[in-house]
């Protein structure tokens, strides 16, 4: 996340409140949770408070990131 730009999509398998904190610091637009993982209830609440969209996919991280890039989103 050190090289993330404001508005990027962060693809990860971490669905906890710490992931939302990092996304907030990086000014990410959203977190895409890959590999069928689930967000913790605390993470969902914190993301709502911070205005960060939460998305999920069954795809592996690499494939999810490739799809985001193909669709024109930042990583």
N, C-alpha and C. Protein backbone atom coordinates (compact mmCIF):
# COMPACT_ATOMS: atom_id res chain seq x y z
N UNK A 1 0.81 -1.20 0.00
CA UNK A 1 0.00 0.00 0.00
C UNK A 1 0.85 1.26 0.00
N UNK A 2 2.14 1.13 0.20
CA UNK A 2 3.01 2.29 0.23
C UNK A 2 3.02 3.08 -1.06
N UNK A 3 2.70 2.43 -2.16
CA UNK A 3 2.71 3.10 -3.46
C UNK A 3 1.31 3.37 -3.99
N UNK A 4 0.32 3.10 -3.20
CA UNK A 4 -1.06 3.32 -3.64
C UNK A 4 -1.33 4.80 -3.83
N UNK A 5 -2.14 5.08 -4.84
CA UNK A 5 -2.55 6.45 -5.11
C UNK A 5 -3.98 6.64 -4.61
N UNK A 6 -4.31 7.86 -4.30
CA UNK A 6 -5.68 8.16 -3.87
C UNK A 6 -6.67 7.65 -4.91
N UNK A 7 -7.70 7.00 -4.44
CA UNK A 7 -8.74 6.50 -5.33
C UNK A 7 -8.51 5.10 -5.86
N UNK A 8 -7.38 4.48 -5.52
CA UNK A 8 -7.09 3.12 -5.98
C UNK A 8 -7.99 2.10 -5.31
N UNK A 9 -8.05 0.93 -5.91
CA UNK A 9 -8.73 -0.23 -5.35
C UNK A 9 -7.66 -1.13 -4.73
N UNK A 10 -7.85 -1.52 -3.50
CA UNK A 10 -6.91 -2.41 -2.82
C UNK A 10 -7.48 -3.81 -2.84
N UNK A 11 -6.76 -4.73 -3.49
CA UNK A 11 -7.16 -6.14 -3.53
C UNK A 11 -6.38 -6.87 -2.45
N UNK A 12 -7.09 -7.55 -1.55
CA UNK A 12 -6.46 -8.19 -0.41
C UNK A 12 -7.28 -9.39 0.05
N UNK A 13 -6.76 -10.12 1.02
CA UNK A 13 -7.52 -11.19 1.67
C UNK A 13 -7.75 -10.86 3.14
N UNK A 14 -7.38 -9.66 3.54
CA UNK A 14 -7.56 -9.23 4.93
C UNK A 14 -8.85 -8.43 5.06
N UNK A 15 -9.80 -8.98 5.79
CA UNK A 15 -11.10 -8.33 5.93
C UNK A 15 -11.35 -7.77 7.31
N UNK A 16 -10.28 -7.35 7.98
CA UNK A 16 -10.45 -6.86 9.35
C UNK A 16 -10.37 -5.33 9.40
N UNK A 17 -10.57 -4.80 10.58
CA UNK A 17 -10.59 -3.35 10.78
C UNK A 17 -9.24 -2.72 10.45
N UNK A 18 -8.15 -3.48 10.61
CA UNK A 18 -6.83 -2.94 10.26
C UNK A 18 -6.71 -2.68 8.77
N UNK A 19 -7.33 -3.53 7.95
CA UNK A 19 -7.32 -3.31 6.51
C UNK A 19 -8.02 -2.00 6.17
N UNK A 20 -9.11 -1.73 6.84
CA UNK A 20 -9.84 -0.47 6.61
C UNK A 20 -8.99 0.72 7.04
N UNK A 21 -8.26 0.58 8.14
CA UNK A 21 -7.39 1.66 8.60
C UNK A 21 -6.31 1.97 7.56
N UNK A 22 -5.70 0.93 7.02
CA UNK A 22 -4.66 1.11 6.01
C UNK A 22 -5.25 1.74 4.75
N UNK A 23 -6.41 1.26 4.33
CA UNK A 23 -7.06 1.83 3.14
C UNK A 23 -7.40 3.30 3.36
N UNK A 24 -7.79 3.65 4.58
CA UNK A 24 -8.09 5.04 4.90
C UNK A 24 -6.84 5.90 4.81
N UNK A 25 -5.75 5.41 5.37
CA UNK A 25 -4.48 6.16 5.31
C UNK A 25 -4.00 6.34 3.88
N UNK A 26 -4.23 5.33 3.04
CA UNK A 26 -3.81 5.40 1.64
C UNK A 26 -4.82 6.14 0.77
N UNK A 27 -5.96 6.51 1.34
CA UNK A 27 -7.04 7.18 0.62
C UNK A 27 -7.57 6.32 -0.52
N UNK A 28 -7.63 4.99 -0.28
CA UNK A 28 -8.17 4.07 -1.29
C UNK A 28 -9.67 4.29 -1.45
N UNK A 29 -10.15 4.04 -2.65
CA UNK A 29 -11.58 4.19 -2.91
C UNK A 29 -12.36 2.99 -2.40
N UNK A 30 -11.70 1.82 -2.45
CA UNK A 30 -12.40 0.61 -2.04
C UNK A 30 -11.41 -0.49 -1.67
N UNK A 31 -11.95 -1.50 -1.00
CA UNK A 31 -11.20 -2.71 -0.71
C UNK A 31 -11.94 -3.84 -1.42
N UNK A 32 -11.22 -4.60 -2.24
CA UNK A 32 -11.78 -5.77 -2.90
C UNK A 32 -11.21 -6.99 -2.20
N UNK A 33 -12.05 -7.67 -1.48
CA UNK A 33 -11.65 -8.84 -0.72
C UNK A 33 -11.74 -10.07 -1.61
N UNK A 34 -10.62 -10.73 -1.84
CA UNK A 34 -10.53 -11.84 -2.78
C UNK A 34 -10.60 -13.19 -2.06
N UNK A 35 -10.63 -14.23 -2.87
CA UNK A 35 -10.56 -15.62 -2.42
C UNK A 35 -11.72 -16.03 -1.51
N UNK A 36 -12.87 -15.36 -1.68
CA UNK A 36 -14.06 -15.71 -0.92
C UNK A 36 -14.02 -15.36 0.56
N UNK A 37 -13.07 -14.55 0.95
CA UNK A 37 -12.95 -14.15 2.35
C UNK A 37 -14.12 -13.24 2.73
N UNK A 38 -14.36 -13.10 4.02
CA UNK A 38 -15.46 -12.26 4.52
C UNK A 38 -14.92 -11.12 5.37
N UNK A 39 -15.60 -9.99 5.33
CA UNK A 39 -15.25 -8.85 6.18
C UNK A 39 -15.78 -9.07 7.58
N UNK A 40 -15.00 -8.70 8.58
CA UNK A 40 -15.46 -8.70 9.96
C UNK A 40 -16.52 -7.61 10.12
N UNK A 41 -17.49 -7.83 11.02
CA UNK A 41 -18.51 -6.79 11.26
C UNK A 41 -17.90 -5.44 11.65
N UNK A 42 -16.84 -5.45 12.43
CA UNK A 42 -16.19 -4.19 12.82
C UNK A 42 -15.58 -3.49 11.61
N UNK A 43 -15.06 -4.25 10.67
CA UNK A 43 -14.49 -3.67 9.46
C UNK A 43 -15.58 -3.03 8.60
N UNK A 44 -16.72 -3.70 8.52
CA UNK A 44 -17.85 -3.16 7.75
C UNK A 44 -18.29 -1.83 8.34
N UNK A 45 -18.41 -1.78 9.64
CA UNK A 45 -18.84 -0.54 10.30
C UNK A 45 -17.82 0.58 10.11
N UNK A 46 -16.55 0.26 10.27
CA UNK A 46 -15.50 1.28 10.11
C UNK A 46 -15.44 1.78 8.67
N UNK A 47 -15.58 0.88 7.71
CA UNK A 47 -15.57 1.29 6.30
C UNK A 47 -16.75 2.21 6.01
N UNK A 48 -17.91 1.90 6.58
CA UNK A 48 -19.08 2.77 6.40
C UNK A 48 -18.79 4.16 6.95
N UNK A 49 -18.18 4.22 8.12
CA UNK A 49 -17.85 5.50 8.74
C UNK A 49 -16.83 6.29 7.92
N UNK A 50 -15.89 5.58 7.30
CA UNK A 50 -14.81 6.22 6.55
C UNK A 50 -15.15 6.44 5.07
N UNK A 51 -16.28 5.92 4.62
CA UNK A 51 -16.67 6.10 3.22
C UNK A 51 -15.88 5.25 2.25
N UNK A 52 -15.45 4.08 2.69
CA UNK A 52 -14.70 3.17 1.83
C UNK A 52 -15.62 2.04 1.40
N UNK A 53 -15.74 1.85 0.10
CA UNK A 53 -16.58 0.78 -0.43
C UNK A 53 -15.91 -0.57 -0.19
N UNK A 54 -16.71 -1.57 0.17
CA UNK A 54 -16.21 -2.93 0.38
C UNK A 54 -16.81 -3.83 -0.69
N UNK A 55 -15.94 -4.57 -1.36
CA UNK A 55 -16.35 -5.48 -2.43
C UNK A 55 -15.75 -6.85 -2.15
N UNK A 56 -16.40 -7.90 -2.68
CA UNK A 56 -15.90 -9.27 -2.47
C UNK A 56 -15.92 -10.04 -3.78
N UNK A 57 -15.00 -11.00 -3.89
CA UNK A 57 -14.97 -11.90 -5.03
C UNK A 57 -14.43 -13.26 -4.60
N UNK A 58 -14.78 -14.28 -5.34
CA UNK A 58 -14.24 -15.61 -5.12
C UNK A 58 -12.90 -15.77 -5.84
N UNK A 59 -12.57 -14.85 -6.73
CA UNK A 59 -11.34 -14.94 -7.52
C UNK A 59 -10.10 -14.88 -6.62
N UNK A 60 -9.01 -15.54 -7.05
CA UNK A 60 -7.73 -15.36 -6.35
C UNK A 60 -7.26 -13.91 -6.48
N UNK A 61 -6.39 -13.49 -5.60
CA UNK A 61 -5.92 -12.10 -5.58
C UNK A 61 -5.38 -11.66 -6.94
N UNK A 62 -4.51 -12.46 -7.53
CA UNK A 62 -3.90 -12.07 -8.80
C UNK A 62 -4.95 -11.86 -9.89
N UNK A 63 -5.88 -12.80 -10.01
CA UNK A 63 -6.91 -12.68 -11.03
C UNK A 63 -7.83 -11.50 -10.77
N UNK A 64 -8.15 -11.25 -9.51
CA UNK A 64 -8.99 -10.10 -9.16
C UNK A 64 -8.28 -8.80 -9.52
N UNK A 65 -7.00 -8.72 -9.23
CA UNK A 65 -6.23 -7.51 -9.55
C UNK A 65 -6.15 -7.30 -11.06
N UNK A 66 -5.96 -8.39 -11.80
CA UNK A 66 -5.93 -8.27 -13.27
C UNK A 66 -7.26 -7.75 -13.80
N UNK A 67 -8.35 -8.24 -13.23
CA UNK A 67 -9.67 -7.80 -13.67
C UNK A 67 -9.90 -6.33 -13.37
N UNK A 68 -9.49 -5.89 -12.19
CA UNK A 68 -9.62 -4.46 -11.85
C UNK A 68 -8.83 -3.62 -12.84
N UNK A 69 -7.62 -4.04 -13.15
CA UNK A 69 -6.78 -3.30 -14.10
C UNK A 69 -7.42 -3.28 -15.49
N UNK A 70 -7.96 -4.39 -15.94
CA UNK A 70 -8.61 -4.46 -17.25
C UNK A 70 -9.82 -3.55 -17.33
N UNK A 71 -10.49 -3.40 -16.19
CA UNK A 71 -11.67 -2.54 -16.15
C UNK A 71 -11.32 -1.06 -16.01
N UNK A 72 -10.03 -0.77 -15.89
CA UNK A 72 -9.58 0.61 -15.85
C UNK A 72 -9.41 1.18 -14.46
N UNK A 73 -9.50 0.34 -13.44
CA UNK A 73 -9.33 0.82 -12.07
C UNK A 73 -7.88 0.79 -11.66
N UNK A 74 -7.53 1.63 -10.70
CA UNK A 74 -6.18 1.62 -10.15
C UNK A 74 -6.01 0.50 -9.16
N UNK A 75 -4.78 0.11 -8.95
CA UNK A 75 -4.47 -0.93 -7.97
C UNK A 75 -3.62 -0.38 -6.88
